[in-house]
Amino acid sequence: MSIRAVEETEDFSKMLKVLPPHIQADWVELKERIKEHLPAPPRFEKLRPPFERLFSLRLRRGYRVHIELPERGSQVWRAVAIGTHDRMGHG
């Protein structure tokens, strides 16, 4: 399985801009890698209700990206949030 297209929401872009450059670079690299194949769990995992439309992708140093399933009839996932493990509600 792969994710060919990811659209970044405006809020996501704002969050990304204030993060350290190495985390920004990690996201750019991961976004390219997932076009070929998804990482194995737990590096890619579906979130529990009430967030069942969201998946979490792990970056280094405890950072996570939350992506949302495509709308019906679309193949484009949406990156909706990025931050540390604790800030993203995983801790």
PDB file of N, CA and C in Angstrom:
ATOM      1  N   MET A   1       0.840  -1.178   0.000  1.00  0.00           N
ATOM      2  CA  MET A   1       0.000   0.000   0.000  1.00  0.00           C
ATOM      3  C   MET A   1       0.884   1.241   0.000  1.00  0.00           C
ATOM      4  N   SER A   2       0.392   2.286  -0.642  1.00  0.00           N
ATOM      5  CA  SER A   2       1.125   3.546  -0.704  1.00  0.00           C
ATOM      6  C   SER A   2       0.130   4.705  -0.691  1.00  0.00           C
ATOM      7  N   ILE A   3       0.660   5.886  -0.487  1.00  0.00           N
ATOM      8  CA  ILE A   3      -0.142   7.107  -0.533  1.00  0.00           C
ATOM      9  C   ILE A   3       0.507   7.997  -1.582  1.00  0.00           C
ATOM     10  N   ARG A   4      -0.120   8.090  -2.717  1.00  0.00           N
ATOM     11  CA  ARG A   4       0.453   8.815  -3.857  1.00  0.00           C
ATOM     12  C   ARG A   4       0.388  10.326  -3.725  1.00  0.00           C
ATOM     13  N   ALA A   5      -0.638  10.834  -3.038  1.00  0.00           N
ATOM     14  CA  ALA A   5      -0.797  12.282  -2.954  1.00  0.00           C
ATOM     15  C   ALA A   5      -1.210  12.703  -1.547  1.00  0.00           C
ATOM     16  N   VAL A   6      -0.510  13.712  -1.023  1.00  0.00           N
ATOM     17  CA  VAL A   6      -0.839  14.284   0.276  1.00  0.00           C
ATOM     18  C   VAL A   6      -0.916  15.802   0.101  1.00  0.00           C
ATOM     19  N   GLU A   7      -2.055  16.332   0.485  1.00  0.00           N
ATOM     20  CA  GLU A   7      -2.266  17.780   0.459  1.00  0.00           C
ATOM     21  C   GLU A   7      -2.078  18.290   1.887  1.00  0.00           C
ATOM     22  N   GLU A   8      -1.331  19.364   2.042  1.00  0.00           N
ATOM     23  CA  GLU A   8      -1.108  19.941   3.366  1.00  0.00           C
ATOM     24  C   GLU A   8      -2.127  21.045   3.618  1.00  0.00           C
ATOM     25  N   THR A   9      -2.857  20.949   4.722  1.00  0.00           N
ATOM     26  CA  THR A   9      -3.816  21.997   5.061  1.00  0.00           C
ATOM     27  C   THR A   9      -3.047  23.260   5.459  1.00  0.00           C
ATOM     28  N   GLU A  10      -3.750  24.370   5.475  1.00  0.00           N
ATOM     29  CA  GLU A  10      -3.140  25.637   5.867  1.00  0.00           C
ATOM     30  C   GLU A  10      -2.618  25.558   7.303  1.00  0.00           C
ATOM     31  N   ASP A  11      -3.414  24.980   8.201  1.00  0.00           N
ATOM     32  CA  ASP A  11      -2.984  24.833   9.589  1.00  0.00           C
ATOM     33  C   ASP A  11      -1.726  23.972   9.688  1.00  0.00           C
ATOM     34  N   PHE A  12      -1.678  22.892   8.922  1.00  0.00           N
ATOM     35  CA  PHE A  12      -0.501  22.027   8.912  1.00  0.00           C
ATOM     36  C   PHE A  12       0.729  22.818   8.476  1.00  0.00           C
ATOM     37  N   SER A  13       0.591  23.581   7.411  1.00  0.00           N
ATOM     38  CA  SER A  13       1.721  24.364   6.893  1.00  0.00           C
ATOM     39  C   SER A  13       2.237  25.352   7.930  1.00  0.00           C
ATOM     40  N   LYS A  14       1.321  25.964   8.676  1.00  0.00           N
ATOM     41  CA  LYS A  14       1.728  26.899   9.734  1.00  0.00           C
ATOM     42  C   LYS A  14       2.493  26.169  10.832  1.00  0.00           C
ATOM     43  N   MET A  15       2.004  24.986  11.226  1.00  0.00           N
ATOM     44  CA  MET A  15       2.688  24.196  12.258  1.00  0.00           C
ATOM     45  C   MET A  15       4.081  23.783  11.783  1.00  0.00           C
ATOM     46  N   LEU A  16       4.171  23.364  10.526  1.00  0.00           N
ATOM     47  CA  LEU A  16       5.429  22.876   9.966  1.00  0.00           C
ATOM     48  C   LEU A  16       6.488  23.975   9.931  1.00  0.00           C
ATOM     49  N   LYS A  17       6.101  25.185   9.574  1.00  0.00           N
ATOM     50  CA  LYS A  17       7.038  26.299   9.431  1.00  0.00           C
ATOM     51  C   LYS A  17       7.815  26.615  10.700  1.00  0.00           C
ATOM     52  N   VAL A  18       7.234  26.385  11.858  1.00  0.00           N
ATOM     53  CA  VAL A  18       7.896  26.749  13.115  1.00  0.00           C
ATOM     54  C   VAL A  18       8.722  25.606  13.707  1.00  0.00           C
ATOM     55  N   LEU A  19       8.713  24.463  13.069  1.00  0.00           N
ATOM     56  CA  LEU A  19       9.471  23.314  13.569  1.00  0.00           C
ATOM     57  C   LEU A  19      10.935  23.391  13.127  1.00  0.00           C
ATOM     58  N   PRO A  20      11.813  22.676  13.829  1.00  0.00           N
ATOM     59  CA  PRO A  20      13.231  22.663  13.441  1.00  0.00           C
ATOM     60  C   PRO A  20      13.403  22.184  11.992  1.00  0.00           C
ATOM     61  N   PRO A  21      14.408  22.727  11.307  1.00  0.00           N
ATOM     62  CA  PRO A  21      14.636  22.360   9.906  1.00  0.00           C
ATOM     63  C   PRO A  21      14.764  20.854   9.668  1.00  0.00           C
ATOM     64  N   HIS A  22      15.396  20.122  10.609  1.00  0.00           N
ATOM     65  CA  HIS A  22      15.560  18.680  10.384  1.00  0.00           C
ATOM     66  C   HIS A  22      14.215  17.955  10.428  1.00  0.00           C
ATOM     67  N   ILE A  23      13.258  18.442  11.191  1.00  0.00           N
ATOM     68  CA  ILE A  23      11.933  17.824  11.226  1.00  0.00           C
ATOM     69  C   ILE A  23      11.185  18.162   9.939  1.00  0.00           C
ATOM     70  N   GLN A  24      11.324  19.383   9.472  1.00  0.00           N
ATOM     71  CA  GLN A  24      10.721  19.763   8.192  1.00  0.00           C
ATOM     72  C   GLN A  24      11.263  18.879   7.064  1.00  0.00           C
ATOM     73  N   ALA A  25      12.576  18.666   7.073  1.00  0.00           N
ATOM     74  CA  ALA A  25      13.200  17.817   6.049  1.00  0.00           C
ATOM     75  C   ALA A  25      12.732  16.368   6.170  1.00  0.00           C
ATOM     76  N   ASP A  26      12.569  15.890   7.399  1.00  0.00           N
ATOM     77  CA  ASP A  26      12.067  14.526   7.597  1.00  0.00           C
ATOM     78  C   ASP A  26      10.689  14.361   6.956  1.00  0.00           C
ATOM     79  N   TRP A  27       9.822  15.364   7.119  1.00  0.00           N
ATOM     80  CA  TRP A  27       8.485  15.292   6.537  1.00  0.00           C
ATOM     81  C   TRP A  27       8.567  15.257   5.010  1.00  0.00           C
ATOM     82  N   VAL A  28       9.385  16.100   4.434  1.00  0.00           N
ATOM     83  CA  VAL A  28       9.520  16.121   2.974  1.00  0.00           C
ATOM     84  C   VAL A  28       9.984  14.750   2.479  1.00  0.00           C
ATOM     85  N   GLU A  29      10.961  14.178   3.166  1.00  0.00           N
ATOM     86  CA  GLU A  29      11.479  12.859   2.782  1.00  0.00           C
ATOM     87  C   GLU A  29      10.422  11.765   2.956  1.00  0.00           C
ATOM     88  N   LEU A  30       9.725  11.778   4.081  1.00  0.00           N
ATOM     89  CA  LEU A  30       8.704  10.762   4.334  1.00  0.00           C
ATOM     90  C   LEU A  30       7.566  10.874   3.324  1.00  0.00           C
ATOM     91  N   LYS A  31       7.193  12.088   2.983  1.00  0.00           N
ATOM     92  CA  LYS A  31       6.110  12.286   2.006  1.00  0.00           C
ATOM     93  C   LYS A  31       6.467  11.636   0.660  1.00  0.00           C
ATOM     94  N   GLU A  32       7.740  11.662   0.308  1.00  0.00           N
ATOM     95  CA  GLU A  32       8.185  11.001  -0.926  1.00  0.00           C
ATOM     96  C   GLU A  32       8.212   9.478  -0.771  1.00  0.00           C
ATOM     97  N   ARG A  33       8.696   9.000   0.384  1.00  0.00           N
ATOM     98  CA  ARG A  33       8.795   7.545   0.610  1.00  0.00           C
ATOM     99  C   ARG A  33       7.441   6.862   0.612  1.00  0.00           C
ATOM    100  N   ILE A  34       6.408   7.531   1.171  1.00  0.00           N
ATOM    101  CA  ILE A  34       5.101   6.874   1.251  1.00  0.00           C
ATOM    102  C   ILE A  34       4.429   6.749  -0.108  1.00  0.00           C
ATOM    103  N   LYS A  35       4.989   7.413  -1.123  1.00  0.00           N
ATOM    104  CA  LYS A  35       4.476   7.228  -2.483  1.00  0.00           C
ATOM    105  C   LYS A  35       4.806   5.827  -2.995  1.00  0.00           C
ATOM    106  N   GLU A  36       5.849   5.218  -2.432  1.00  0.00           N
ATOM    107  CA  GLU A  36       6.268   3.873  -2.824  1.00  0.00           C
ATOM    108  C   GLU A  36       5.682   2.805  -1.904  1.00  0.00           C
ATOM    109  N   HIS A  37       5.774   3.021  -0.585  1.00  0.00           N
ATOM    110  CA  HIS A  37       5.213   2.060   0.377  1.00  0.00           C
ATOM    111  C   HIS A  37       5.082   2.733   1.733  1.00  0.00           C
ATOM    112  N   LEU A  38       4.145   2.243   2.516  1.00  0.00           N
ATOM    113  CA  LEU A  38       3.914   2.775   3.855  1.00  0.00           C
ATOM    114  C   LEU A  38       4.798   2.058   4.864  1.00  0.00           C
ATOM    115  N   PRO A  39       5.244   2.769   5.894  1.00  0.00           N
ATOM    116  CA  PRO A  39       6.004   2.093   6.943  1.00  0.00           C
ATOM    117  C   PRO A  39       5.119   1.122   7.715  1.00  0.00           C
ATOM    118  N   ALA A  40       5.739   0.133   8.292  1.00  0.00           N
ATOM    119  CA  ALA A  40       4.999  -0.854   9.096  1.00  0.00           C
ATOM    120  C   ALA A  40       4.578  -0.226  10.427  1.00  0.00           C
ATOM    121  N   PRO A  41       3.469  -0.732  10.985  1.00  0.00           N
ATOM    122  CA  PRO A  41       3.080  -0.283  12.325  1.00  0.00           C
ATOM    123  C   PRO A  41       4.233  -0.580  13.290  1.00  0.00           C
ATOM    124  N   PRO A  42       4.489   0.246  14.248  1.00  0.00           N
ATOM    125  CA  PRO A  42       3.697   1.395  14.674  1.00  0.00           C
ATOM    126  C   PRO A  42       4.090   2.706  14.010  1.00  0.00           C
ATOM    127  N   ARG A  43       4.970   2.677  12.998  1.00  0.00           N
ATOM    128  CA  ARG A  43       5.376   3.929  12.337  1.00  0.00           C
ATOM    129  C   ARG A  43       4.240   4.527  11.511  1.00  0.00           C
ATOM    130  N   PHE A  44       3.234   3.714  11.179  1.00  0.00           N
ATOM    131  CA  PHE A  44       2.019   4.173  10.503  1.00  0.00           C
ATOM    132  C   PHE A  44       0.871   3.436  11.164  1.00  0.00           C
ATOM    133  N   GLU A  45      -0.013   4.196  11.803  1.00  0.00           N
ATOM    134  CA  GLU A  45      -1.110   3.526  12.500  1.00  0.00           C
ATOM    135  C   GLU A  45      -2.374   4.365  12.487  1.00  0.00           C
ATOM    136  N   LYS A  46      -3.494   3.657  12.460  1.00  0.00           N
ATOM    137  CA  LYS A  46      -4.804   4.291  12.518  1.00  0.00           C
ATOM    138  C   LYS A  46      -5.080   4.722  13.952  1.00  0.00           C
ATOM    139  N   LEU A  47      -5.639   5.923  14.100  1.00  0.00           N
ATOM    140  CA  LEU A  47      -5.974   6.409  15.433  1.00  0.00           C
ATOM    141  C   LEU A  47      -7.331   5.869  15.877  1.00  0.00           C
ATOM    142  N   ARG A  48      -7.524   5.836  17.172  1.00  0.00           N
ATOM    143  CA  ARG A  48      -8.770   5.327  17.752  1.00  0.00           C
ATOM    144  C   ARG A  48      -9.858   6.388  17.705  1.00  0.00           C
ATOM    145  N   PRO A  49     -11.134   5.944  17.811  1.00  0.00           N
ATOM    146  CA  PRO A  49     -12.240   6.897  17.893  1.00  0.00           C
ATOM    147  C   PRO A  49     -12.007   7.879  19.042  1.00  0.00           C
ATOM    148  N   PRO A  50     -12.365   9.112  18.854  1.00  0.00           N
ATOM    149  CA  PRO A  50     -13.194   9.669  17.783  1.00  0.00           C
ATOM    150  C   PRO A  50     -12.401  10.135  16.572  1.00  0.00           C
ATOM    151  N   PHE A  51     -11.163   9.687  16.424  1.00  0.00           N
ATOM    152  CA  PHE A  51     -10.300  10.138  15.327  1.00  0.00           C
ATOM    153  C   PHE A  51     -10.109   9.060  14.265  1.00  0.00           C
ATOM    154  N   GLU A  52     -11.140   8.274  14.012  1.00  0.00           N
ATOM    155  CA  GLU A  52     -10.984   7.112  13.128  1.00  0.00           C
ATOM    156  C   GLU A  52     -10.668   7.458  11.676  1.00  0.00           C
ATOM    157  N   ARG A  53     -10.811   8.713  11.269  1.00  0.00           N
ATOM    158  CA  ARG A  53     -10.433   9.115   9.912  1.00  0.00           C
ATOM    159  C   ARG A  53      -8.956   9.510   9.827  1.00  0.00           C
ATOM    160  N   LEU A  54      -8.272   9.515  10.981  1.00  0.00           N
ATOM    161  CA  LEU A  54      -6.877   9.955  11.027  1.00  0.00           C
ATOM    162  C   LEU A  54      -5.912   8.793  11.217  1.00  0.00           C
ATOM    163  N   PHE A  55      -4.740   8.963  10.620  1.00  0.00           N
ATOM    164  CA  PHE A  55      -3.629   8.045  10.786  1.00  0.00           C
ATOM    165  C   PHE A  55      -2.435   8.837  11.269  1.00  0.00           C
ATOM    166  N   SER A  56      -1.552   8.189  11.998  1.00  0.00           N
ATOM    167  CA  SER A  56      -0.356   8.828  12.512  1.00  0.00           C
ATOM    168  C   SER A  56       0.867   8.234  11.821  1.00  0.00           C
ATOM    169  N   LEU A  57       1.739   9.124  11.358  1.00  0.00           N
ATOM    170  CA  LEU A  57       3.024   8.739  10.788  1.00  0.00           C
ATOM    171  C   LEU A  57       4.112   9.247  11.725  1.00  0.00           C
ATOM    172  N   ARG A  58       5.049   8.396  12.091  1.00  0.00           N
ATOM    173  CA  ARG A  58       6.118   8.795  12.996  1.00  0.00           C
ATOM    174  C   ARG A  58       7.289   9.393  12.235  1.00  0.00           C
ATOM    175  N   LEU A  59       7.775  10.496  12.783  1.00  0.00           N
ATOM    176  CA  LEU A  59       9.039  11.074  12.360  1.00  0.00           C
ATOM    177  C   LEU A  59      10.035  10.818  13.490  1.00  0.00           C
ATOM    178  N   ARG A  60      11.246  11.308  13.377  1.00  0.00           N
ATOM    179  CA  ARG A  60      12.219  11.104  14.456  1.00  0.00           C
ATOM    180  C   ARG A  60      11.976  12.050  15.621  1.00  0.00           C
ATOM    181  N   ARG A  61      12.646  11.750  16.725  1.00  0.00           N
ATOM    182  CA  ARG A  61      12.623  12.560  17.938  1.00  0.00           C
ATOM    183  C   ARG A  61      11.215  12.796  18.484  1.00  0.00           C
ATOM    184  N   GLY A  62      10.356  11.807  18.327  1.00  0.00           N
ATOM    185  CA  GLY A  62       9.031  11.890  18.929  1.00  0.00           C
ATOM    186  C   GLY A  62       8.025  12.734  18.176  1.00  0.00           C
ATOM    187  N   TYR A  63       8.322  13.141  16.954  1.00  0.00           N
ATOM    188  CA  TYR A  63       7.378  13.924  16.167  1.00  0.00           C
ATOM    189  C   TYR A  63       6.436  13.006  15.403  1.00  0.00           C
ATOM    190  N   ARG A  64       5.230  13.494  15.185  1.00  0.00           N
ATOM    191  CA  ARG A  64       4.190  12.757  14.469  1.00  0.00           C
ATOM    192  C   ARG A  64       3.534  13.673  13.440  1.00  0.00           C
ATOM    193  N   VAL A  65       3.036  13.052  12.381  1.00  0.00           N
ATOM    194  CA  VAL A  65       2.187  13.733  11.400  1.00  0.00           C
ATOM    195  C   VAL A  65       0.849  13.017  11.407  1.00  0.00           C
ATOM    196  N   HIS A  66      -0.219  13.774  11.489  1.00  0.00           N
ATOM    197  CA  HIS A  66      -1.553  13.193  11.364  1.00  0.00           C
ATOM    198  C   HIS A  66      -2.059  13.465   9.962  1.00  0.00           C
ATOM    199  N   ILE A  67      -2.460  12.395   9.298  1.00  0.00           N
ATOM    200  CA  ILE A  67      -3.036  12.523   7.959  1.00  0.00           C
ATOM    201  C   ILE A  67      -4.445  11.958   7.977  1.00  0.00           C
ATOM    202  N   GLU A  68      -5.273  12.542   7.141  1.00  0.00           N
ATOM    203  CA  GLU A  68      -6.691  12.183   7.102  1.00  0.00           C
ATOM    204  C   GLU A  68      -7.001  11.410   5.824  1.00  0.00           C
ATOM    205  N   LEU A  69      -7.849  10.410   5.981  1.00  0.00           N
ATOM    206  CA  LEU A  69      -8.287   9.623   4.825  1.00  0.00           C
ATOM    207  C   LEU A  69      -8.833  10.527   3.724  1.00  0.00           C
ATOM    208  N   PRO A  70      -8.679  10.125   2.471  1.00  0.00           N
ATOM    209  CA  PRO A  70      -9.266  10.905   1.376  1.00  0.00           C
ATOM    210  C   PRO A  70     -10.792  10.930   1.453  1.00  0.00           C
ATOM    211  N   GLU A  71     -11.364  11.986   0.938  1.00  0.00           N
ATOM    212  CA  GLU A  71     -12.817  12.055   0.809  1.00  0.00           C
ATOM    213  C   GLU A  71     -13.254  11.004  -0.207  1.00  0.00           C
ATOM    214  N   ARG A  72     -14.497  10.590  -0.108  1.00  0.00           N
ATOM    215  CA  ARG A  72     -15.029   9.592  -1.039  1.00  0.00           C
ATOM    216  C   ARG A  72     -14.822  10.067  -2.482  1.00  0.00           C
ATOM    217  N   GLY A  73     -14.275   9.195  -3.312  1.00  0.00           N
ATOM    218  CA  GLY A  73     -14.029   9.504  -4.713  1.00  0.00           C
ATOM    219  C   GLY A  73     -12.696  10.187  -4.974  1.00  0.00           C
ATOM    220  N   SER A  74     -11.932  10.457  -3.919  1.00  0.00           N
ATOM    221  CA  SER A  74     -10.629  11.114  -4.059  1.00  0.00           C
ATOM    222  C   SER A  74      -9.528  10.140  -3.662  1.00  0.00           C
ATOM    223  N   GLN A  75      -8.327  10.413  -4.123  1.00  0.00           N
ATOM    224  CA  GLN A  75      -7.157   9.622  -3.741  1.00  0.00           C
ATOM    225  C   GLN A  75      -6.173  10.463  -2.931  1.00  0.00           C
ATOM    226  N   VAL A  76      -6.563  11.698  -2.624  1.00  0.00           N
ATOM    227  CA  VAL A  76      -5.668  12.643  -1.963  1.00  0.00           C
ATOM    228  C   VAL A  76      -5.905  12.646  -0.455  1.00  0.00           C
ATOM    229  N   TRP A  77      -4.882  12.256   0.275  1.00  0.00           N
ATOM    230  CA  TRP A  77      -4.905  12.326   1.732  1.00  0.00           C
ATOM    231  C   TRP A  77      -4.597  13.765   2.128  1.00  0.00           C
ATOM    232  N   ARG A  78      -4.950  14.148   3.369  1.00  0.00           N
ATOM    233  CA  ARG A  78      -4.677  15.503   3.850  1.00  0.00           C
ATOM    234  C   ARG A  78      -3.830  15.450   5.111  1.00  0.00           C
ATOM    235  N   ALA A  79      -2.701  16.161   5.084  1.00  0.00           N
ATOM    236  CA  ALA A  79      -1.880  16.320   6.292  1.00  0.00           C
ATOM    237  C   ALA A  79      -2.530  17.423   7.105  1.00  0.00           C
ATOM    238  N   VAL A  80      -2.974  17.085   8.324  1.00  0.00           N
ATOM    239  CA  VAL A  80      -3.755  18.039   9.115  1.00  0.00           C
ATOM    240  C   VAL A  80      -3.031  18.549  10.353  1.00  0.00           C
ATOM    241  N   ALA A  81      -2.012  17.836  10.846  1.00  0.00           N
ATOM    242  CA  ALA A  81      -1.303  18.274  12.056  1.00  0.00           C
ATOM    243  C   ALA A  81       0.083  17.647  12.109  1.00  0.00           C
ATOM    244  N   ILE A  82       0.994  18.364  12.755  1.00  0.00           N
ATOM    245  CA  ILE A  82       2.352  17.858  12.970  1.00  0.00           C
ATOM    246  C   ILE A  82       2.833  18.417  14.305  1.00  0.00           C
ATOM    247  N   GLY A  83       3.522  17.572  15.064  1.00  0.00           N
ATOM    248  CA  GLY A  83       4.045  18.017  16.351  1.00  0.00           C
ATOM    249  C   GLY A  83       4.662  16.860  17.110  1.00  0.00           C
ATOM    250  N   THR A  84       5.033  17.136  18.342  1.00  0.00           N
ATOM    251  CA  THR A  84       5.645  16.099  19.160  1.00  0.00           C
ATOM    252  C   THR A  84       4.599  15.083  19.605  1.00  0.00           C
ATOM    253  N   HIS A  85       5.099  13.965  20.031  1.00  0.00           N
ATOM    254  CA  HIS A  85       4.255  12.873  20.515  1.00  0.00           C
ATOM    255  C   HIS A  85       3.257  13.385  21.564  1.00  0.00           C
ATOM    256  N   ASP A  86       3.730  14.120  22.546  1.00  0.00           N
ATOM    257  CA  ASP A  86       2.861  14.624  23.612  1.00  0.00           C
ATOM    258  C   ASP A  86       1.856  15.660  23.110  1.00  0.00           C
ATOM    259  N   ARG A  87       2.302  16.595  22.282  1.00  0.00           N
ATOM    260  CA  ARG A  87       1.408  17.642  21.765  1.00  0.00           C
ATOM    261  C   ARG A  87       0.304  17.065  20.874  1.00  0.00           C
ATOM    262  N   MET A  88       0.595  15.941  20.256  1.00  0.00           N
ATOM    263  CA  MET A  88      -0.371  15.338  19.343  1.00  0.00           C
ATOM    264  C   MET A  88      -1.361  14.437  20.085  1.00  0.00           C
ATOM    265  N   GLY A  89      -1.242  14.382  21.396  1.00  0.00           N
ATOM    266  CA  GLY A  89      -2.186  13.618  22.188  1.00  0.00           C
ATOM    267  C   GLY A  89      -1.874  12.135  22.291  1.00  0.00           C
ATOM    268  N   HIS A  90      -0.636  11.760  22.002  1.00  0.00           N
ATOM    269  CA  HIS A  90      -0.253  10.350  22.078  1.00  0.00           C
ATOM    270  C   HIS A  90       0.340   9.984  23.426  1.00  0.00           C
ATOM    271  N   GLY A  91       0.652  10.987  24.226  1.00  0.00           N
ATOM    272  CA  GLY A  91       1.379  10.709  25.452  1.00  0.00           C
ATOM    273  C   GLY A  91       0.547  10.701  26.687  1.00  0.00           C
TER     274      GLY A  91
END
